[in-house]
Amino acid sequence: IAVLLGAWSDKSEADRLVVEKLSGKAYGEWIRGMREIALRPATPLIQHDGGWKFIPRYEGWYALGPHLFDEHLERFKDVASLVLGEMDPKFDLPPEERFAATVHGKALTHSRTLRSSLAETLALLGSHPGALTSCSLGKPEIIATLVIRDALGEADWIRWASLNDLLPLLAEAAPREFLDAVE
């Protein structure tokens, strides 16, 4: 689950809910196990000031990929579509006030860390599906394509702007679907 998430914030209630949906466990129960892992020597899971990160992503993808199954990818699809489908509320403000969006209480529900790491996971699903040997053939690519379709299919400028910093990763995840959306 941590390798699918990539990174998340303990300080974000929305991030914790995503962890619960993906893991199928209460956050407190799931994070206890992650804390034990984070304390081991040479662990790929690090925690600092409420922020959790699985590093290195690529090596972890291949090391833990066989432990992921179709059901994990289905749950991932649901949470990634939810998180990446969120419109950035700063676009409710006039352009000259957007730089101060957080002062106006216009912030994304999910952390930028989680959004970015889910986009990285999509790129791994689309470009390195062979690591997920316990999944059905083609399932990782299908999941990446469906999430990109949900996020960008018939999207307006606000959705595109909300995903602006993630677009290169989304293009890597499902190039054909991305280009169809661009077109």
C-alpha atoms as a PDB file:
ATOM      1  CA  ILE A   1       0.000   0.000   0.000  1.00  0.00           C
ATOM      2  CA  ALA A   2       2.822   2.396   0.850  1.00  0.00           C
ATOM      3  CA  VAL A   3       4.465   1.789  -2.513  1.00  0.00           C
ATOM      4  CA  LEU A   4       1.159   2.581  -4.271  1.00  0.00           C
ATOM      5  CA  LEU A   5       0.727   5.754  -2.228  1.00  0.00           C
ATOM      6  CA  GLY A   6       4.322   6.873  -2.597  1.00  0.00           C
ATOM      7  CA  ALA A   7       3.920   9.758  -0.143  1.00  0.00           C
ATOM      8  CA  TRP A   8       1.229  11.256   2.068  1.00  0.00           C
ATOM      9  CA  SER A   9       0.750  13.634   4.958  1.00  0.00           C
ATOM     10  CA  ASP A  10      -0.362  12.626   8.450  1.00  0.00           C
ATOM     11  CA  LYS A  11      -1.523  16.213   8.902  1.00  0.00           C
ATOM     12  CA  SER A  12      -4.121  15.959   6.140  1.00  0.00           C
ATOM     13  CA  GLU A  13      -7.427  14.340   7.101  1.00  0.00           C
ATOM     14  CA  ALA A  14      -8.173  13.816   3.400  1.00  0.00           C
ATOM     15  CA  ASP A  15      -4.855  11.985   2.923  1.00  0.00           C
ATOM     16  CA  ARG A  16      -5.620   9.741   5.897  1.00  0.00           C
ATOM     17  CA  LEU A  17      -9.017   8.882   4.391  1.00  0.00           C
ATOM     18  CA  VAL A  18      -7.311   7.942   1.123  1.00  0.00           C
ATOM     19  CA  VAL A  19      -4.962   5.642   3.045  1.00  0.00           C
ATOM     20  CA  GLU A  20      -7.973   4.007   4.704  1.00  0.00           C
ATOM     21  CA  LYS A  21      -9.735   3.449   1.372  1.00  0.00           C
ATOM     22  CA  LEU A  22      -6.615   2.011  -0.226  1.00  0.00           C
ATOM     23  CA  SER A  23      -5.556  -0.170   2.699  1.00  0.00           C
ATOM     24  CA  GLY A  24      -9.028  -1.256   3.782  1.00  0.00           C
ATOM     25  CA  LYS A  25      -8.035  -0.574   7.411  1.00  0.00           C
ATOM     26  CA  ALA A  26      -8.497   2.219   9.902  1.00  0.00           C
ATOM     27  CA  TYR A  27      -5.644   4.700   9.612  1.00  0.00           C
ATOM     28  CA  GLY A  28      -4.464   4.212  13.199  1.00  0.00           C
ATOM     29  CA  GLU A  29      -4.244   0.460  12.737  1.00  0.00           C
ATOM     30  CA  TRP A  30      -2.436   0.691   9.391  1.00  0.00           C
ATOM     31  CA  ILE A  31       0.028   3.408  10.399  1.00  0.00           C
ATOM     32  CA  ARG A  32       1.197   1.404  13.438  1.00  0.00           C
ATOM     33  CA  GLY A  33       2.677  -1.152  11.051  1.00  0.00           C
ATOM     34  CA  MET A  34       4.246   1.586   8.940  1.00  0.00           C
ATOM     35  CA  ARG A  35       5.857   3.139  12.007  1.00  0.00           C
ATOM     36  CA  GLU A  36       7.494  -0.182  12.843  1.00  0.00           C
ATOM     37  CA  ILE A  37       8.800  -0.458   9.279  1.00  0.00           C
ATOM     38  CA  ALA A  38      10.067   3.135   9.346  1.00  0.00           C
ATOM     39  CA  LEU A  39      12.190   2.347  12.416  1.00  0.00           C
ATOM     40  CA  ARG A  40      14.017  -0.565  10.796  1.00  0.00           C
ATOM     41  CA  PRO A  41      17.548  -0.034   9.501  1.00  0.00           C
ATOM     42  CA  ALA A  42      17.859   0.724   5.775  1.00  0.00           C
ATOM     43  CA  THR A  43      14.097   1.105   5.408  1.00  0.00           C
ATOM     44  CA  PRO A  44      12.616   2.525   2.207  1.00  0.00           C
ATOM     45  CA  LEU A  45       9.873   4.228   4.236  1.00  0.00           C
ATOM     46  CA  ILE A  46      10.773   7.512   5.869  1.00  0.00           C
ATOM     47  CA  GLN A  47       8.772   9.873   8.035  1.00  0.00           C
ATOM     48  CA  HIS A  48       9.559  13.468   8.871  1.00  0.00           C
ATOM     49  CA  ASP A  49       7.257  16.024  10.484  1.00  0.00           C
ATOM     50  CA  GLY A  50       4.089  14.132   9.572  1.00  0.00           C
ATOM     51  CA  GLY A  51       5.147  13.543   6.002  1.00  0.00           C
ATOM     52  CA  TRP A  52       5.636   9.959   4.839  1.00  0.00           C
ATOM     53  CA  LYS A  53       7.553   8.931   1.752  1.00  0.00           C
ATOM     54  CA  PHE A  54       8.493   5.647   0.132  1.00  0.00           C
ATOM     55  CA  ILE A  55      11.918   5.920  -1.510  1.00  0.00           C
ATOM     56  CA  PRO A  56      13.327   4.915  -3.902  1.00  0.00           C
ATOM     57  CA  ARG A  57      10.117   4.519  -5.904  1.00  0.00           C
ATOM     58  CA  TYR A  58      11.494   2.606  -8.898  1.00  0.00           C
ATOM     59  CA  GLU A  59      13.363  -0.004  -6.871  1.00  0.00           C
ATOM     60  CA  GLY A  60      10.447  -0.378  -4.473  1.00  0.00           C
ATOM     61  CA  TRP A  61       8.103  -0.830  -7.418  1.00  0.00           C
ATOM     62  CA  TYR A  62      10.044  -3.856  -8.622  1.00  0.00           C
ATOM     63  CA  ALA A  63      10.739  -5.234  -5.130  1.00  0.00           C
ATOM     64  CA  LEU A  64       7.131  -5.010  -3.907  1.00  0.00           C
ATOM     65  CA  GLY A  65       5.239  -5.185  -7.190  1.00  0.00           C
ATOM     66  CA  PRO A  66       4.605  -8.942  -6.885  1.00  0.00           C
ATOM     67  CA  HIS A  67       2.700  -8.240  -3.642  1.00  0.00           C
ATOM     68  CA  LEU A  68       0.110  -6.144  -5.473  1.00  0.00           C
ATOM     69  CA  PHE A  69      -3.006  -7.735  -6.928  1.00  0.00           C
ATOM     70  CA  ASP A  70      -5.927  -6.649  -9.107  1.00  0.00           C
ATOM     71  CA  GLU A  71      -7.986  -5.670  -6.050  1.00  0.00           C
ATOM     72  CA  HIS A  72      -5.255  -3.230  -4.974  1.00  0.00           C
ATOM     73  CA  LEU A  73      -5.266  -1.655  -8.423  1.00  0.00           C
ATOM     74  CA  GLU A  74      -9.054  -1.305  -8.407  1.00  0.00           C
ATOM     75  CA  ARG A  75      -8.936   0.517  -5.075  1.00  0.00           C
ATOM     76  CA  PHE A  76      -6.038   2.614  -6.361  1.00  0.00           C
ATOM     77  CA  LYS A  77      -8.103   3.597  -9.411  1.00  0.00           C
ATOM     78  CA  ASP A  78     -10.896   4.843  -7.174  1.00  0.00           C
ATOM     79  CA  VAL A  79      -8.662   6.918  -4.896  1.00  0.00           C
ATOM     80  CA  ALA A  80      -6.493   8.287  -7.722  1.00  0.00           C
ATOM     81  CA  SER A  81      -9.590   9.369  -9.662  1.00  0.00           C
ATOM     82  CA  LEU A  82     -10.953  11.044  -6.540  1.00  0.00           C
ATOM     83  CA  VAL A  83      -7.731  12.862  -5.638  1.00  0.00           C
ATOM     84  CA  LEU A  84      -6.772  13.914  -9.165  1.00  0.00           C
ATOM     85  CA  GLY A  85     -10.357  14.895  -9.947  1.00  0.00           C
ATOM     86  CA  GLU A  86     -10.310  17.610  -7.306  1.00  0.00           C
ATOM     87  CA  MET A  87     -10.498  21.120  -8.707  1.00  0.00           C
ATOM     88  CA  ASP A  88      -8.088  23.595  -7.168  1.00  0.00           C
ATOM     89  CA  PRO A  89     -10.287  26.140  -5.357  1.00  0.00           C
ATOM     90  CA  LYS A  90      -7.752  28.910  -5.958  1.00  0.00           C
ATOM     91  CA  PHE A  91      -9.302  29.247  -9.409  1.00  0.00           C
ATOM     92  CA  ASP A  92     -12.453  30.585  -7.736  1.00  0.00           C
ATOM     93  CA  LEU A  93     -10.439  33.736  -7.033  1.00  0.00           C
ATOM     94  CA  PRO A  94      -9.597  36.494  -9.514  1.00  0.00           C
ATOM     95  CA  PRO A  95      -6.182  35.902 -11.159  1.00  0.00           C
ATOM     96  CA  GLU A  96      -4.518  38.716  -9.213  1.00  0.00           C
ATOM     97  CA  GLU A  97      -5.496  37.104  -5.870  1.00  0.00           C
ATOM     98  CA  ARG A  98      -4.591  33.475  -6.578  1.00  0.00           C
ATOM     99  CA  PHE A  99      -1.097  33.801  -5.157  1.00  0.00           C
ATOM    100  CA  ALA A 100      -2.736  34.267  -1.735  1.00  0.00           C
ATOM    101  CA  ALA A 101      -5.235  31.422  -2.102  1.00  0.00           C
ATOM    102  CA  THR A 102      -4.381  29.807   1.235  1.00  0.00           C
ATOM    103  CA  VAL A 103      -4.935  33.116   3.036  1.00  0.00           C
ATOM    104  CA  HIS A 104      -8.430  33.128   1.522  1.00  0.00           C
ATOM    105  CA  GLY A 105      -9.008  29.519   2.632  1.00  0.00           C
ATOM    106  CA  LYS A 106      -8.796  28.220  -0.936  1.00  0.00           C
ATOM    107  CA  ALA A 107      -6.590  25.134  -0.648  1.00  0.00           C
ATOM    108  CA  LEU A 108      -6.780  21.635  -2.067  1.00  0.00           C
ATOM    109  CA  THR A 109      -8.320  19.049   0.244  1.00  0.00           C
ATOM    110  CA  HIS A 110      -5.571  16.490  -0.401  1.00  0.00           C
ATOM    111  CA  SER A 111      -1.914  17.343   0.054  1.00  0.00           C
ATOM    112  CA  ARG A 112       0.177  18.222  -2.990  1.00  0.00           C
ATOM    113  CA  THR A 113       2.537  15.478  -1.830  1.00  0.00           C
ATOM    114  CA  LEU A 114      -0.177  12.838  -2.195  1.00  0.00           C
ATOM    115  CA  ARG A 115      -1.355  14.220  -5.551  1.00  0.00           C
ATOM    116  CA  SER A 116       2.169  14.157  -6.939  1.00  0.00           C
ATOM    117  CA  SER A 117       2.959  10.679  -5.638  1.00  0.00           C
ATOM    118  CA  LEU A 118      -0.280   9.223  -7.058  1.00  0.00           C
ATOM    119  CA  ALA A 119       0.658  10.708 -10.428  1.00  0.00           C
ATOM    120  CA  GLU A 120       4.089   9.044 -10.089  1.00  0.00           C
ATOM    121  CA  THR A 121       2.367   5.736  -9.350  1.00  0.00           C
ATOM    122  CA  LEU A 122       0.248   6.142 -12.474  1.00  0.00           C
ATOM    123  CA  ALA A 123       3.420   6.703 -14.494  1.00  0.00           C
ATOM    124  CA  LEU A 124       4.887   3.520 -12.990  1.00  0.00           C
ATOM    125  CA  LEU A 125       1.694   1.588 -13.791  1.00  0.00           C
ATOM    126  CA  GLY A 126       1.776   2.731 -17.393  1.00  0.00           C
ATOM    127  CA  SER A 127       5.485   2.453 -18.065  1.00  0.00           C
ATOM    128  CA  HIS A 128       6.574  -0.430 -15.796  1.00  0.00           C
ATOM    129  CA  PRO A 129       3.624  -2.832 -15.610  1.00  0.00           C
ATOM    130  CA  GLY A 130       5.921  -5.864 -15.671  1.00  0.00           C
ATOM    131  CA  ALA A 131       6.786  -5.325 -12.001  1.00  0.00           C
ATOM    132  CA  LEU A 132       3.226  -6.277 -11.008  1.00  0.00           C
ATOM    133  CA  THR A 133       3.542  -9.985 -11.724  1.00  0.00           C
ATOM    134  CA  SER A 134       0.563 -10.967  -9.549  1.00  0.00           C
ATOM    135  CA  CYS A 135      -1.848  -8.755 -11.494  1.00  0.00           C
ATOM    136  CA  SER A 136      -3.820  -9.761 -14.567  1.00  0.00           C
ATOM    137  CA  LEU A 137      -2.050  -9.170 -17.867  1.00  0.00           C
ATOM    138  CA  GLY A 138      -2.710  -5.597 -19.010  1.00  0.00           C
ATOM    139  CA  LYS A 139      -4.430  -4.560 -15.764  1.00  0.00           C
ATOM    140  CA  PRO A 140      -1.847  -1.920 -14.718  1.00  0.00           C
ATOM    141  CA  GLU A 141      -2.040  -0.165 -18.100  1.00  0.00           C
ATOM    142  CA  ILE A 142      -5.846  -0.291 -18.085  1.00  0.00           C
ATOM    143  CA  ILE A 143      -5.963   1.265 -14.623  1.00  0.00           C
ATOM    144  CA  ALA A 144      -3.591   4.060 -15.700  1.00  0.00           C
ATOM    145  CA  THR A 145      -5.675   4.711 -18.811  1.00  0.00           C
ATOM    146  CA  LEU A 146      -8.957   4.798 -16.889  1.00  0.00           C
ATOM    147  CA  VAL A 147      -7.632   7.244 -14.302  1.00  0.00           C
ATOM    148  CA  ILE A 148      -6.257   9.542 -17.012  1.00  0.00           C
ATOM    149  CA  ARG A 149      -9.600   9.339 -18.829  1.00  0.00           C
ATOM    150  CA  ASP A 150     -11.445  10.218 -15.591  1.00  0.00           C
ATOM    151  CA  ALA A 151      -9.095  13.108 -14.838  1.00  0.00           C
ATOM    152  CA  LEU A 152      -8.814  14.663 -18.282  1.00  0.00           C
ATOM    153  CA  GLY A 153     -11.657  13.388 -20.453  1.00  0.00           C
ATOM    154  CA  GLU A 154     -13.847  16.365 -21.336  1.00  0.00           C
ATOM    155  CA  ALA A 155     -12.042  18.450 -18.718  1.00  0.00           C
ATOM    156  CA  ASP A 156     -12.411  22.209 -18.628  1.00  0.00           C
ATOM    157  CA  TRP A 157      -9.578  24.689 -18.184  1.00  0.00           C
ATOM    158  CA  ILE A 158      -9.900  24.592 -14.381  1.00  0.00           C
ATOM    159  CA  ARG A 159      -9.265  20.830 -14.292  1.00  0.00           C
ATOM    160  CA  TRP A 160      -6.260  21.205 -16.618  1.00  0.00           C
ATOM    161  CA  ALA A 161      -4.917  24.075 -14.524  1.00  0.00           C
ATOM    162  CA  SER A 162      -5.489  22.098 -11.312  1.00  0.00           C
ATOM    163  CA  LEU A 163      -3.344  19.281 -12.716  1.00  0.00           C
ATOM    164  CA  ASN A 164      -0.778  21.541 -14.403  1.00  0.00           C
ATOM    165  CA  ASP A 165       2.235  20.438 -12.336  1.00  0.00           C
ATOM    166  CA  LEU A 166       1.300  16.754 -12.799  1.00  0.00           C
ATOM    167  CA  LEU A 167       0.740  16.744 -16.561  1.00  0.00           C
ATOM    168  CA  PRO A 168       4.150  15.276 -17.523  1.00  0.00           C
ATOM    169  CA  LEU A 169       3.560  12.295 -15.209  1.00  0.00           C
ATOM    170  CA  LEU A 170       0.012  11.831 -16.483  1.00  0.00           C
ATOM    171  CA  ALA A 171       1.308  11.886 -20.059  1.00  0.00           C
ATOM    172  CA  GLU A 172       3.812   9.177 -19.162  1.00  0.00           C
ATOM    173  CA  ALA A 173       1.122   7.053 -17.520  1.00  0.00           C
ATOM    174  CA  ALA A 174      -1.090   6.723 -20.598  1.00  0.00           C
ATOM    175  CA  PRO A 175       0.337   8.633 -23.574  1.00  0.00           C
ATOM    176  CA  ARG A 176      -2.425   7.792 -26.029  1.00  0.00           C
ATOM    177  CA  GLU A 177      -5.225   8.673 -23.601  1.00  0.00           C
ATOM    178  CA  PHE A 178      -3.418  11.876 -22.645  1.00  0.00           C
ATOM    179  CA  LEU A 179      -3.019  12.948 -26.269  1.00  0.00           C
ATOM    180  CA  ASP A 180      -6.668  12.159 -26.963  1.00  0.00           C
ATOM    181  CA  ALA A 181      -7.620  14.448 -24.078  1.00  0.00           C
ATOM    182  CA  VAL A 182      -5.299  17.173 -25.345  1.00  0.00           C
ATOM    183  CA  GLU A 183      -6.786  16.911 -28.806  1.00  0.00           C
END
